[in-house]
Amino acid sequence: GFFDALSARTRQLVDGLKAVAAENGVPFSADSEGGMFGFFLLPELPQNYTTVMTTDKERFNRFFHAMLEAGIYLAPALYEAGFVSAAHTDADIEATLAAARTALR
């Protein structure tokens, strides 16, 4: 059940980030596999590098730094993967989503 639980925790984070972005009217797409996730500030998941590079880089940088200031460490580039581990708790996910609510305003 380890991998099922890890996948569910990662999906909880990804779905929460999508919801927070939608609340703030921010284009946001994300997906996950197991403990790995990725997101883009685009309305749909990109299918090629050219589309990835249309991401709002300035907004990503503001989001990244706001999350970092809140103690949430994300990959610093807009096309890198993030990882959830078995050590992450529901409280960690909620803290991440709370920080994202502020960061995406």
N, C-alpha and C. Protein backbone atom coordinates (compact mmCIF):
# COMPACT_ATOMS: atom_id res chain seq x y z
N GLY A 1 0.78 -1.20 0.00
CA GLY A 1 0.00 0.00 0.00
C GLY A 1 0.83 1.28 0.00
N PHE A 2 2.16 1.14 0.12
CA PHE A 2 3.01 2.32 0.19
C PHE A 2 2.85 3.21 -1.05
N PHE A 3 2.97 2.63 -2.24
CA PHE A 3 2.92 3.43 -3.46
C PHE A 3 1.53 4.01 -3.72
N ASP A 4 0.50 3.26 -3.35
CA ASP A 4 -0.85 3.80 -3.49
C ASP A 4 -1.04 5.01 -2.58
N ALA A 5 -0.53 4.91 -1.35
CA ALA A 5 -0.66 6.04 -0.41
C ALA A 5 0.16 7.23 -0.89
N LEU A 6 1.36 6.98 -1.40
CA LEU A 6 2.20 8.06 -1.90
C LEU A 6 1.54 8.75 -3.10
N SER A 7 1.00 7.96 -4.00
CA SER A 7 0.31 8.52 -5.17
C SER A 7 -0.89 9.36 -4.74
N ALA A 8 -1.64 8.86 -3.77
CA ALA A 8 -2.81 9.60 -3.28
C ALA A 8 -2.40 10.92 -2.64
N ARG A 9 -1.32 10.92 -1.88
CA ARG A 9 -0.85 12.15 -1.22
C ARG A 9 -0.39 13.16 -2.28
N THR A 10 0.30 12.68 -3.28
CA THR A 10 0.77 13.56 -4.35
C THR A 10 -0.42 14.13 -5.13
N ARG A 11 -1.40 13.29 -5.41
CA ARG A 11 -2.60 13.75 -6.11
C ARG A 11 -3.35 14.78 -5.26
N GLN A 12 -3.37 14.60 -3.95
CA GLN A 12 -4.00 15.57 -3.04
C GLN A 12 -3.34 16.94 -3.20
N LEU A 13 -2.02 16.95 -3.27
CA LEU A 13 -1.30 18.21 -3.47
C LEU A 13 -1.62 18.82 -4.83
N VAL A 14 -1.52 18.02 -5.88
CA VAL A 14 -1.75 18.53 -7.24
C VAL A 14 -3.17 19.04 -7.41
N ASP A 15 -4.14 18.28 -6.95
CA ASP A 15 -5.53 18.71 -7.06
C ASP A 15 -5.77 19.99 -6.25
N GLY A 16 -5.14 20.06 -5.08
CA GLY A 16 -5.27 21.26 -4.26
C GLY A 16 -4.67 22.48 -4.92
N LEU A 17 -3.50 22.32 -5.54
CA LEU A 17 -2.88 23.44 -6.24
C LEU A 17 -3.73 23.89 -7.42
N LYS A 18 -4.30 22.94 -8.14
CA LYS A 18 -5.20 23.30 -9.24
C LYS A 18 -6.38 24.11 -8.73
N ALA A 19 -6.96 23.69 -7.62
CA ALA A 19 -8.12 24.38 -7.05
C ALA A 19 -7.74 25.78 -6.58
N VAL A 20 -6.60 25.92 -5.93
CA VAL A 20 -6.15 27.22 -5.45
C VAL A 20 -5.92 28.16 -6.62
N ALA A 21 -5.29 27.66 -7.68
CA ALA A 21 -5.06 28.48 -8.87
C ALA A 21 -6.39 28.92 -9.48
N ALA A 22 -7.34 27.99 -9.56
CA ALA A 22 -8.65 28.33 -10.13
C ALA A 22 -9.34 29.40 -9.30
N GLU A 23 -9.25 29.31 -7.97
CA GLU A 23 -9.84 30.32 -7.07
C GLU A 23 -9.29 31.71 -7.37
N ASN A 24 -8.03 31.76 -7.80
CA ASN A 24 -7.36 33.03 -8.05
C ASN A 24 -7.31 33.41 -9.52
N GLY A 25 -7.98 32.62 -10.37
CA GLY A 25 -8.02 32.94 -11.79
C GLY A 25 -6.68 32.81 -12.49
N VAL A 26 -5.83 31.93 -11.98
CA VAL A 26 -4.49 31.74 -12.56
C VAL A 26 -4.50 30.50 -13.44
N PRO A 27 -4.07 30.63 -14.69
CA PRO A 27 -3.97 29.44 -15.53
C PRO A 27 -2.98 28.46 -14.89
N PHE A 28 -3.38 27.22 -14.73
CA PHE A 28 -2.55 26.26 -14.01
C PHE A 28 -2.92 24.86 -14.47
N SER A 29 -1.93 24.09 -14.87
CA SER A 29 -2.14 22.69 -15.20
C SER A 29 -1.09 21.88 -14.47
N ALA A 30 -1.43 20.67 -14.10
CA ALA A 30 -0.50 19.84 -13.33
C ALA A 30 -0.86 18.38 -13.51
N ASP A 31 0.12 17.54 -13.25
CA ASP A 31 -0.10 16.10 -13.28
C ASP A 31 0.89 15.46 -12.33
N SER A 32 0.63 14.20 -12.00
CA SER A 32 1.53 13.48 -11.10
C SER A 32 1.57 12.01 -11.47
N GLU A 33 2.64 11.39 -11.04
CA GLU A 33 2.81 9.94 -11.17
C GLU A 33 3.58 9.50 -9.95
N GLY A 34 2.94 8.66 -9.13
CA GLY A 34 3.59 8.26 -7.89
C GLY A 34 3.85 9.48 -7.03
N GLY A 35 5.08 9.65 -6.59
CA GLY A 35 5.44 10.79 -5.76
C GLY A 35 5.96 11.98 -6.55
N MET A 36 5.99 11.87 -7.86
CA MET A 36 6.52 12.95 -8.70
C MET A 36 5.36 13.78 -9.26
N PHE A 37 5.56 15.11 -9.32
CA PHE A 37 4.53 15.97 -9.90
C PHE A 37 5.20 17.10 -10.67
N GLY A 38 4.43 17.68 -11.54
CA GLY A 38 4.88 18.85 -12.28
C GLY A 38 3.70 19.76 -12.52
N PHE A 39 3.98 21.04 -12.68
CA PHE A 39 2.90 21.99 -12.96
C PHE A 39 3.41 23.07 -13.90
N PHE A 40 2.46 23.70 -14.55
CA PHE A 40 2.74 24.78 -15.48
C PHE A 40 1.70 25.87 -15.28
N LEU A 41 2.10 27.10 -15.46
CA LEU A 41 1.16 28.21 -15.41
C LEU A 41 0.57 28.40 -16.80
N LEU A 42 -0.11 27.36 -17.22
CA LEU A 42 -0.78 27.29 -18.53
C LEU A 42 -2.14 26.63 -18.32
N PRO A 43 -3.11 26.93 -19.15
CA PRO A 43 -4.45 26.34 -18.97
C PRO A 43 -4.50 24.83 -19.24
N GLU A 44 -3.57 24.31 -20.01
CA GLU A 44 -3.52 22.87 -20.31
C GLU A 44 -2.08 22.40 -20.23
N LEU A 45 -1.90 21.12 -19.93
CA LEU A 45 -0.55 20.57 -19.91
C LEU A 45 0.09 20.72 -21.29
N PRO A 46 1.29 21.24 -21.34
CA PRO A 46 1.96 21.41 -22.63
C PRO A 46 2.39 20.06 -23.20
N GLN A 47 2.44 20.00 -24.50
CA GLN A 47 2.83 18.76 -25.18
C GLN A 47 4.19 18.87 -25.85
N ASN A 48 4.80 20.06 -25.76
CA ASN A 48 6.12 20.23 -26.37
C ASN A 48 6.85 21.39 -25.69
N TYR A 49 8.14 21.46 -25.96
CA TYR A 49 8.99 22.48 -25.34
C TYR A 49 8.54 23.90 -25.71
N THR A 50 8.16 24.10 -26.93
CA THR A 50 7.73 25.42 -27.38
C THR A 50 6.57 25.93 -26.54
N THR A 51 5.62 25.05 -26.25
CA THR A 51 4.48 25.45 -25.41
C THR A 51 4.92 25.69 -23.97
N VAL A 52 5.80 24.86 -23.46
CA VAL A 52 6.32 25.06 -22.11
C VAL A 52 6.88 26.47 -21.97
N MET A 53 7.59 26.92 -22.97
CA MET A 53 8.26 28.21 -22.90
C MET A 53 7.31 29.40 -23.02
N THR A 54 6.00 29.13 -23.24
CA THR A 54 5.02 30.22 -23.24
C THR A 54 4.50 30.51 -21.83
N THR A 55 4.95 29.73 -20.86
CA THR A 55 4.56 29.96 -19.47
C THR A 55 4.94 31.38 -19.04
N ASP A 56 4.11 31.97 -18.22
CA ASP A 56 4.39 33.30 -17.68
C ASP A 56 5.55 33.19 -16.69
N LYS A 57 6.75 33.42 -17.17
CA LYS A 57 7.95 33.23 -16.37
C LYS A 57 8.01 34.17 -15.17
N GLU A 58 7.57 35.40 -15.36
CA GLU A 58 7.59 36.36 -14.25
C GLU A 58 6.64 35.92 -13.13
N ARG A 59 5.45 35.45 -13.51
CA ARG A 59 4.50 34.97 -12.50
C ARG A 59 5.06 33.74 -11.80
N PHE A 60 5.68 32.83 -12.56
CA PHE A 60 6.30 31.66 -11.95
C PHE A 60 7.36 32.09 -10.93
N ASN A 61 8.20 33.05 -11.30
CA ASN A 61 9.25 33.51 -10.39
C ASN A 61 8.65 34.12 -9.12
N ARG A 62 7.60 34.90 -9.28
CA ARG A 62 6.93 35.48 -8.09
C ARG A 62 6.35 34.37 -7.21
N PHE A 63 5.71 33.39 -7.85
CA PHE A 63 5.14 32.26 -7.12
C PHE A 63 6.24 31.48 -6.40
N PHE A 64 7.30 31.15 -7.12
CA PHE A 64 8.41 30.39 -6.52
C PHE A 64 8.96 31.11 -5.29
N HIS A 65 9.24 32.40 -5.43
CA HIS A 65 9.84 33.14 -4.31
C HIS A 65 8.87 33.33 -3.15
N ALA A 66 7.60 33.54 -3.43
CA ALA A 66 6.60 33.65 -2.36
C ALA A 66 6.48 32.32 -1.60
N MET A 67 6.51 31.22 -2.33
CA MET A 67 6.45 29.92 -1.67
C MET A 67 7.71 29.69 -0.84
N LEU A 68 8.86 30.04 -1.38
CA LEU A 68 10.12 29.89 -0.67
C LEU A 68 10.11 30.70 0.63
N GLU A 69 9.60 31.94 0.55
CA GLU A 69 9.51 32.77 1.75
C GLU A 69 8.58 32.17 2.79
N ALA A 70 7.60 31.37 2.34
CA ALA A 70 6.67 30.70 3.26
C ALA A 70 7.23 29.36 3.75
N GLY A 71 8.45 29.02 3.32
CA GLY A 71 9.07 27.78 3.77
C GLY A 71 8.75 26.58 2.91
N ILE A 72 8.19 26.81 1.73
CA ILE A 72 7.84 25.73 0.81
C ILE A 72 8.87 25.73 -0.31
N TYR A 73 9.61 24.65 -0.42
CA TYR A 73 10.69 24.55 -1.38
C TYR A 73 10.23 23.80 -2.62
N LEU A 74 10.09 24.53 -3.73
CA LEU A 74 9.72 23.95 -5.02
C LEU A 74 10.95 23.99 -5.93
N ALA A 75 10.90 23.21 -7.00
CA ALA A 75 11.97 23.28 -7.99
C ALA A 75 12.03 24.70 -8.55
N PRO A 76 13.22 25.26 -8.73
CA PRO A 76 13.34 26.66 -9.11
C PRO A 76 13.12 26.96 -10.58
N ALA A 77 12.93 25.97 -11.41
CA ALA A 77 12.71 26.22 -12.84
C ALA A 77 11.31 25.79 -13.22
N LEU A 78 10.73 26.47 -14.17
CA LEU A 78 9.32 26.23 -14.51
C LEU A 78 9.07 24.91 -15.21
N TYR A 79 10.09 24.14 -15.49
CA TYR A 79 9.87 22.85 -16.17
C TYR A 79 10.51 21.69 -15.42
N GLU A 80 10.75 21.86 -14.13
CA GLU A 80 11.32 20.79 -13.32
C GLU A 80 10.23 20.08 -12.54
N ALA A 81 10.52 18.85 -12.15
CA ALA A 81 9.58 18.05 -11.37
C ALA A 81 9.73 18.34 -9.88
N GLY A 82 8.65 18.10 -9.16
CA GLY A 82 8.66 18.16 -7.71
C GLY A 82 8.40 16.76 -7.17
N PHE A 83 8.68 16.57 -5.90
CA PHE A 83 8.52 15.24 -5.32
C PHE A 83 7.86 15.33 -3.94
N VAL A 84 6.94 14.43 -3.71
CA VAL A 84 6.31 14.23 -2.41
C VAL A 84 6.90 12.94 -1.86
N SER A 85 7.15 12.90 -0.57
CA SER A 85 7.71 11.69 0.05
C SER A 85 6.76 11.14 1.10
N ALA A 86 7.10 9.99 1.60
CA ALA A 86 6.30 9.38 2.66
C ALA A 86 6.35 10.21 3.94
N ALA A 87 7.34 11.07 4.06
CA ALA A 87 7.47 11.92 5.25
C ALA A 87 6.49 13.08 5.24
N HIS A 88 5.95 13.43 4.08
CA HIS A 88 5.00 14.54 4.00
C HIS A 88 3.65 14.12 4.59
N THR A 89 3.11 14.99 5.42
CA THR A 89 1.85 14.71 6.11
C THR A 89 0.71 15.52 5.51
N ASP A 90 -0.50 15.23 5.95
CA ASP A 90 -1.65 16.05 5.55
C ASP A 90 -1.42 17.51 5.95
N ALA A 91 -0.82 17.71 7.11
CA ALA A 91 -0.55 19.07 7.56
C ALA A 91 0.44 19.77 6.62
N ASP A 92 1.41 19.04 6.10
CA ASP A 92 2.35 19.61 5.13
C ASP A 92 1.64 20.02 3.85
N ILE A 93 0.75 19.18 3.39
CA ILE A 93 0.00 19.48 2.17
C ILE A 93 -0.87 20.71 2.40
N GLU A 94 -1.55 20.76 3.53
CA GLU A 94 -2.40 21.92 3.84
C GLU A 94 -1.59 23.20 3.96
N ALA A 95 -0.41 23.11 4.58
CA ALA A 95 0.46 24.28 4.70
C ALA A 95 0.92 24.75 3.32
N THR A 96 1.20 23.82 2.44
CA THR A 96 1.61 24.16 1.07
C THR A 96 0.47 24.86 0.34
N LEU A 97 -0.73 24.33 0.49
CA LEU A 97 -1.89 24.94 -0.19
C LEU A 97 -2.21 26.31 0.38
N ALA A 98 -2.06 26.48 1.69
CA ALA A 98 -2.27 27.79 2.31
C ALA A 98 -1.26 28.80 1.79
N ALA A 99 -0.01 28.38 1.66
CA ALA A 99 1.02 29.27 1.12
C ALA A 99 0.72 29.60 -0.35
N ALA A 100 0.24 28.62 -1.09
CA ALA A 100 -0.09 28.84 -2.50
C ALA A 100 -1.25 29.83 -2.65
N ARG A 101 -2.22 29.78 -1.74
CA ARG A 101 -3.33 30.72 -1.78
C ARG A 101 -2.83 32.16 -1.73
N THR A 102 -1.86 32.39 -0.88
CA THR A 102 -1.27 33.73 -0.76
C THR A 102 -0.39 34.03 -1.97
N ALA A 103 0.43 33.08 -2.37
CA ALA A 103 1.41 33.30 -3.43
C ALA A 103 0.76 33.51 -4.80
N LEU A 104 -0.41 32.94 -5.01
CA LEU A 104 -1.06 33.06 -6.33
C LEU A 104 -2.01 34.24 -6.43
N ARG A 105 -2.11 35.05 -5.39
CA ARG A 105 -2.99 36.23 -5.43
C ARG A 105 -2.39 37.28 -6.33
